[in-house]
Amino acid sequence: MLPAVLKLCCGISYPHVRSMAGLQRAALAVFGQEFRFLQNRFSFPARSSIRHTHRSAADEDEVFYQKQGETALNEALQIVENRDGWKLETAETNGDVIYSKVLTGNRKVFRLEADLDATADELHDILFFRVEEMHEWNPSIRRITVLKHVGGNTMITHEVSAETAGNLIGQRDFLSVRHSSKSESCVYLGGAATRFESLPPQPGFVRAEDGPTCIILQPLQDAPHRSRFIWLLNMDVKGWLPQSLVNKALPRAQVDFTKHLRRRLTQNNSR
């Protein structure tokens, strides 16, 4: 949700769902002539039935993405809230800290905690609703495109990282479901890798996978105009890279992202 590392995989069942929808469309195409013949002879309402089938398939897609986003957020929050196993990875001079933890399967995840000079709603707007503008202030991103909106709190995005100096991981692209949720005290942003029929892996890019990942935005009790920013980074960068290199690059990317976000907030406050 987020930079080439922000993002932010619950799509195992997705190919089966899409395959069923594809079979239904193929069957309608093959038997189209028979349907029209029956309609002319017996006045069957075939065209109305076809339209209803397509609407149902679209509805199933939206339900799938909505549930996938909610599941990703809930699973990421469980990782963050489980305090067992976290170790200090790095502590910055400005007070930002990053912790790391090894999950089942030997996946190492990173949790950044920082205080930012913005309200939770302002950060929600920048990081979620205006996600397509992220390349304007984060040089690690070439572009983010919203491919599909599902209601007001879920979207499918395609992100392409930039070719920047010092990028240890290299250029990647991401196809992600992003979901947001609000409570009285916090804003939650969650994400995970997904599948999208019209955008398969692109030639020339390694498609990395996020998730489940999340960001928690919580007003500070003594300064409600400021927020605690907690970001769980959980990523499989794919490709042939030494894990030691990946584990070094990911927390560095979190530090860089937070630096660019602070600069963006300073620019907004000076207007």
Protein backbone atom coordinates (compact mmCIF):
# COMPACT_ATOMS: atom_id res chain seq x y z
CA MET A 1 0.00 0.00 0.00
CA LEU A 2 2.48 1.76 -0.60
CA PRO A 3 5.96 2.03 -2.04
CA ALA A 4 7.65 -0.69 -3.92
CA VAL A 5 7.91 -2.26 -0.53
CA LEU A 6 4.57 -1.08 0.81
CA LYS A 7 2.10 -3.22 0.07
CA LEU A 8 0.26 -3.44 0.92
CA CYS A 9 -1.40 -13.59 -0.42
CA CYS A 10 -4.83 -14.66 -0.20
CA GLY A 11 -5.50 -15.35 -3.88
CA ILE A 12 -5.12 -19.15 -3.94
CA SER A 13 -8.74 -19.82 -4.73
CA TYR A 14 -8.96 -16.96 -7.24
CA PRO A 15 -8.00 -18.88 -10.41
CA HIS A 16 -10.80 -21.38 -9.72
CA VAL A 17 -13.36 -18.61 -9.30
CA ARG A 18 -12.24 -16.95 -12.51
CA SER A 19 -12.15 -20.26 -14.36
CA MET A 20 -15.77 -20.97 -13.48
CA ALA A 21 -16.80 -17.53 -14.70
CA GLY A 22 -14.87 -18.13 -17.92
CA LEU A 23 -16.56 -21.49 -18.48
CA GLN A 24 -19.98 -19.87 -18.06
CA ARG A 25 -19.16 -17.23 -20.66
CA ALA A 26 -17.74 -19.82 -23.04
CA ALA A 27 -20.84 -21.97 -22.68
CA LEU A 28 -23.10 -19.00 -23.43
CA ALA A 29 -21.09 -18.21 -26.56
CA VAL A 30 -21.16 -21.81 -27.82
CA PHE A 31 -24.89 -22.25 -27.27
CA GLY A 32 -25.88 -18.73 -28.31
CA GLN A 33 -27.53 -19.88 -31.49
CA GLU A 34 -29.54 -22.55 -29.67
CA PHE A 35 -30.75 -19.97 -27.14
CA ARG A 36 -31.86 -17.63 -29.90
CA PHE A 37 -33.66 -20.48 -31.67
CA LEU A 38 -35.51 -21.41 -28.50
CA GLN A 39 -36.35 -17.79 -27.83
CA ASN A 40 -37.90 -17.36 -31.27
CA ARG A 41 -39.85 -20.59 -31.02
CA PHE A 42 -40.96 -20.59 -27.40
CA SER A 43 -40.45 -16.91 -26.35
CA PHE A 44 -37.91 -17.82 -23.64
CA PRO A 45 -36.36 -14.70 -22.01
CA ALA A 46 -32.83 -15.82 -22.88
CA ARG A 47 -31.26 -12.34 -23.20
CA SER A 48 -32.39 -11.32 -19.73
CA SER A 49 -30.90 -14.52 -18.31
CA ILE A 50 -27.57 -13.81 -19.98
CA ARG A 51 -27.39 -10.30 -18.54
CA HIS A 52 -28.18 -11.66 -15.10
CA THR A 53 -25.35 -14.22 -15.39
CA HIS A 54 -22.81 -11.49 -16.20
CA ARG A 55 -23.98 -9.34 -13.30
CA SER A 56 -23.59 -12.30 -10.96
CA ALA A 57 -20.02 -12.91 -12.12
CA ALA A 58 -19.14 -9.25 -11.53
CA ASP A 59 -20.74 -9.38 -8.09
CA GLU A 60 -18.73 -12.50 -7.23
CA ASP A 61 -15.53 -10.68 -8.20
CA GLU A 62 -16.32 -7.77 -5.91
CA VAL A 63 -17.16 -10.07 -3.01
CA PHE A 64 -13.91 -11.96 -3.59
CA TYR A 65 -11.72 -8.83 -3.54
CA GLN A 66 -13.56 -7.37 -0.55
CA LYS A 67 -13.09 -10.57 1.46
CA GLN A 68 -9.47 -10.89 0.36
CA GLY A 69 -8.71 -7.34 1.53
CA GLU A 70 -10.44 -7.87 4.87
CA THR A 71 -8.65 -11.18 5.40
CA ALA A 72 -5.25 -9.65 4.58
CA LEU A 73 -5.81 -6.83 7.07
CA ASN A 74 -6.95 -9.17 9.84
CA GLU A 75 -4.04 -11.56 9.33
CA ALA A 76 -1.52 -8.71 9.28
CA LEU A 77 -2.95 -7.23 12.48
CA GLN A 78 -2.61 -10.62 14.18
CA ILE A 79 1.11 -10.63 13.27
CA VAL A 80 1.59 -7.12 14.64
CA GLU A 81 -0.39 -7.70 17.83
CA ASN A 82 1.42 -10.93 18.67
CA ARG A 83 4.39 -9.57 20.64
CA ASP A 84 6.29 -12.86 20.76
CA GLY A 85 9.48 -13.16 18.74
CA TRP A 86 10.07 -9.52 17.80
CA LYS A 87 13.68 -8.31 17.92
CA LEU A 88 15.08 -4.81 17.50
CA GLU A 89 16.43 -4.46 13.96
CA THR A 90 17.47 -0.80 13.91
CA ALA A 91 16.88 2.44 15.81
CA GLU A 92 17.14 5.75 13.96
CA THR A 93 18.36 8.98 15.57
CA ASN A 94 14.95 10.61 14.95
CA GLY A 95 13.23 8.04 17.17
CA ASP A 96 11.97 5.68 14.45
CA VAL A 97 12.48 2.01 15.29
CA ILE A 98 12.23 -1.18 13.24
CA TYR A 99 11.66 -4.63 14.70
CA SER A 100 11.93 -7.94 12.86
CA LYS A 101 10.37 -11.34 13.34
CA VAL A 102 10.69 -14.70 11.57
CA LEU A 103 7.36 -16.30 10.64
CA THR A 104 6.58 -19.90 9.84
CA GLY A 105 8.29 -20.80 6.59
CA ASN A 106 11.36 -18.69 7.46
CA ARG A 107 9.80 -15.44 6.13
CA LYS A 108 11.23 -12.43 7.91
CA VAL A 109 8.87 -9.49 8.42
CA PHE A 110 9.60 -5.96 9.63
CA ARG A 111 7.58 -3.60 11.84
CA LEU A 112 8.39 0.11 11.69
CA GLU A 113 7.11 2.50 14.36
CA ALA A 114 7.34 6.27 13.92
CA ASP A 115 5.55 9.47 15.00
CA LEU A 116 4.43 11.75 12.17
CA ASP A 117 3.25 15.35 12.06
CA ALA A 118 -0.17 14.62 10.56
CA THR A 119 -3.56 13.38 11.67
CA ALA A 120 -4.64 9.82 10.95
CA ASP A 121 -7.19 11.12 8.43
CA GLU A 122 -4.55 13.14 6.58
CA LEU A 123 -2.31 10.08 6.31
CA HIS A 124 -5.29 7.96 5.27
CA ASP A 125 -5.92 10.37 2.42
CA ILE A 126 -2.29 10.39 1.23
CA LEU A 127 -1.61 6.67 1.55
CA PHE A 128 -4.94 5.27 0.36
CA PHE A 129 -7.26 7.64 -1.46
CA ARG A 130 -4.42 9.43 -3.28
CA VAL A 131 -2.24 6.40 -3.76
CA GLU A 132 -1.84 7.12 -7.50
CA GLU A 133 0.04 10.31 -6.57
CA MET A 134 2.67 8.46 -4.55
CA HIS A 135 5.26 8.59 -7.32
CA GLU A 136 5.23 12.40 -7.00
CA TRP A 137 6.89 12.26 -3.59
CA ASN A 138 8.42 8.78 -3.38
CA PRO A 139 11.27 8.33 -5.90
CA SER A 140 11.29 4.55 -5.41
CA ILE A 141 7.98 4.30 -7.31
CA ARG A 142 7.58 4.79 -11.03
CA ARG A 143 3.79 4.58 -10.96
CA ILE A 144 0.77 3.16 -9.16
CA THR A 145 -2.45 2.59 -11.09
CA VAL A 146 -5.84 1.78 -9.56
CA LEU A 147 -7.27 -0.96 -11.77
CA LYS A 148 -10.56 -1.47 -9.94
CA HIS A 149 -12.50 0.09 -7.06
CA VAL A 150 -14.63 -2.20 -4.90
CA GLY A 151 -16.92 0.00 -2.87
CA GLY A 152 -15.25 2.86 -1.04
CA ASN A 153 -12.68 0.91 0.98
CA THR A 154 -11.12 -1.69 -1.33
CA MET A 155 -9.15 -1.38 -4.56
CA ILE A 156 -6.91 -3.35 -6.91
CA THR A 157 -3.64 -1.61 -7.80
CA HIS A 158 -0.68 -2.23 -10.09
CA GLU A 159 2.58 -0.76 -8.85
CA VAL A 160 5.90 -0.50 -10.66
CA SER A 161 9.05 0.34 -8.73
CA ALA A 162 11.55 2.81 -10.11
CA GLU A 163 15.08 2.10 -11.26
CA THR A 164 16.87 4.13 -8.60
CA ALA A 165 20.51 4.23 -7.56
CA GLY A 166 21.18 2.14 -4.50
CA ASN A 167 18.14 -0.10 -5.05
CA LEU A 168 19.53 -3.43 -3.86
CA ILE A 169 16.49 -5.46 -4.85
CA GLY A 170 16.02 -4.14 -8.39
CA GLN A 171 12.91 -3.20 -10.31
CA ARG A 172 9.72 -5.06 -9.42
CA ASP A 173 6.02 -4.81 -10.09
CA PHE A 174 3.17 -5.61 -7.70
CA LEU A 175 -0.47 -6.50 -8.20
CA SER A 176 -2.24 -5.94 -4.90
CA VAL A 177 -5.59 -5.69 -3.20
CA ARG A 178 -5.70 -2.75 -0.76
CA HIS A 179 -8.29 -2.38 1.96
CA SER A 180 -8.95 0.32 4.55
CA SER A 181 -10.95 0.29 7.76
CA LYS A 182 -11.61 2.88 10.48
CA SER A 183 -12.47 2.67 14.13
CA GLU A 184 -13.08 5.48 16.60
CA SER A 185 -9.38 5.66 17.44
CA CYS A 186 -7.45 4.20 14.48
CA VAL A 187 -7.24 3.90 10.73
CA TYR A 188 -6.12 0.55 9.33
CA LEU A 189 -4.72 -0.09 5.87
CA GLY A 190 -4.17 -3.67 4.74
CA GLY A 191 -3.03 -5.39 1.60
CA ALA A 192 -1.87 -8.56 -0.12
CA ALA A 193 -0.91 -9.86 -3.53
CA THR A 194 -3.84 -10.76 -5.75
CA ARG A 195 -4.69 -11.91 -9.27
CA PHE A 196 -6.32 -9.85 -12.00
CA GLU A 197 -7.31 -11.52 -15.27
CA SER A 198 -6.51 -8.54 -17.50
CA LEU A 199 -3.02 -7.95 -16.05
CA PRO A 200 -0.86 -11.09 -15.96
CA PRO A 201 2.87 -10.82 -15.09
CA GLN A 202 4.52 -8.31 -17.40
CA PRO A 203 7.57 -9.05 -19.60
CA GLY A 204 10.72 -7.47 -18.24
CA PHE A 205 9.51 -7.33 -14.62
CA VAL A 206 9.82 -9.63 -11.66
CA ARG A 207 6.41 -9.70 -9.99
CA ALA A 208 6.94 -9.50 -6.24
CA GLU A 209 4.21 -10.34 -3.74
CA ASP A 210 3.10 -8.51 -0.63
CA GLY A 211 1.20 -9.71 2.26
CA PRO A 212 -0.43 -9.88 4.38
CA THR A 213 0.75 -6.39 5.26
CA CYS A 214 -0.76 -3.44 7.09
CA ILE A 215 -0.37 0.12 8.36
CA ILE A 216 -1.90 1.36 11.60
CA LEU A 217 -2.50 5.10 12.03
CA GLN A 218 -3.29 6.16 15.58
CA PRO A 219 -3.56 9.70 17.01
CA LEU A 220 -1.08 10.42 19.79
CA GLN A 221 -2.85 10.96 23.10
CA ASP A 222 -0.87 14.05 24.04
CA ALA A 223 -0.87 15.50 20.52
CA PRO A 224 -3.98 14.55 18.49
CA HIS A 225 -2.68 16.48 15.46
CA ARG A 226 0.17 13.92 15.27
CA SER A 227 -0.02 10.17 14.67
CA ARG A 228 1.75 6.96 15.54
CA PHE A 229 2.62 5.22 12.26
CA ILE A 230 3.05 1.44 12.49
CA TRP A 231 3.90 -0.41 9.29
CA LEU A 232 4.20 -4.17 8.92
CA LEU A 233 6.28 -4.98 5.83
CA ASN A 234 5.81 -8.56 4.68
CA MET A 235 7.16 -9.20 1.18
CA ASP A 236 8.37 -11.95 -1.10
CA VAL A 237 10.55 -10.14 -3.64
CA LYS A 238 10.88 -13.25 -5.88
CA GLY A 239 13.81 -13.64 -8.25
CA TRP A 240 17.25 -15.02 -7.46
CA LEU A 241 18.43 -12.82 -4.62
CA PRO A 242 20.31 -13.87 -1.48
CA GLN A 243 17.98 -13.70 1.51
CA SER A 244 20.65 -11.83 3.46
CA LEU A 245 20.54 -9.06 0.85
CA VAL A 246 16.73 -8.90 0.95
CA ASN A 247 16.71 -8.73 4.76
CA LYS A 248 19.11 -5.81 4.58
CA ALA A 249 17.24 -3.93 1.85
CA LEU A 250 13.68 -4.10 3.22
CA PRO A 251 14.17 -2.20 6.50
CA ARG A 252 16.28 0.33 4.60
CA ALA A 253 13.35 0.83 2.25
CA GLN A 254 11.06 1.45 5.22
CA VAL A 255 13.39 4.14 6.54
CA ASP A 256 13.57 5.79 3.10
CA PHE A 257 9.81 5.69 2.63
CA THR A 258 9.19 7.34 5.99
CA LYS A 259 11.73 10.03 5.15
CA HIS A 260 9.96 10.82 1.86
CA LEU A 261 6.57 10.79 3.58
CA ARG A 262 7.77 13.31 6.17
CA ARG A 263 9.02 15.55 3.39
CA ARG A 264 5.60 15.35 1.71
CA LEU A 265 3.86 16.29 4.96
CA THR A 266 6.19 19.27 5.41
CA GLN A 267 5.34 20.46 1.90
CA ASN A 268 1.61 20.13 2.59
CA ASN A 269 1.88 22.04 5.87
CA SER A 270 3.79 24.89 4.22
CA ARG A 271 1.06 25.57 1.65
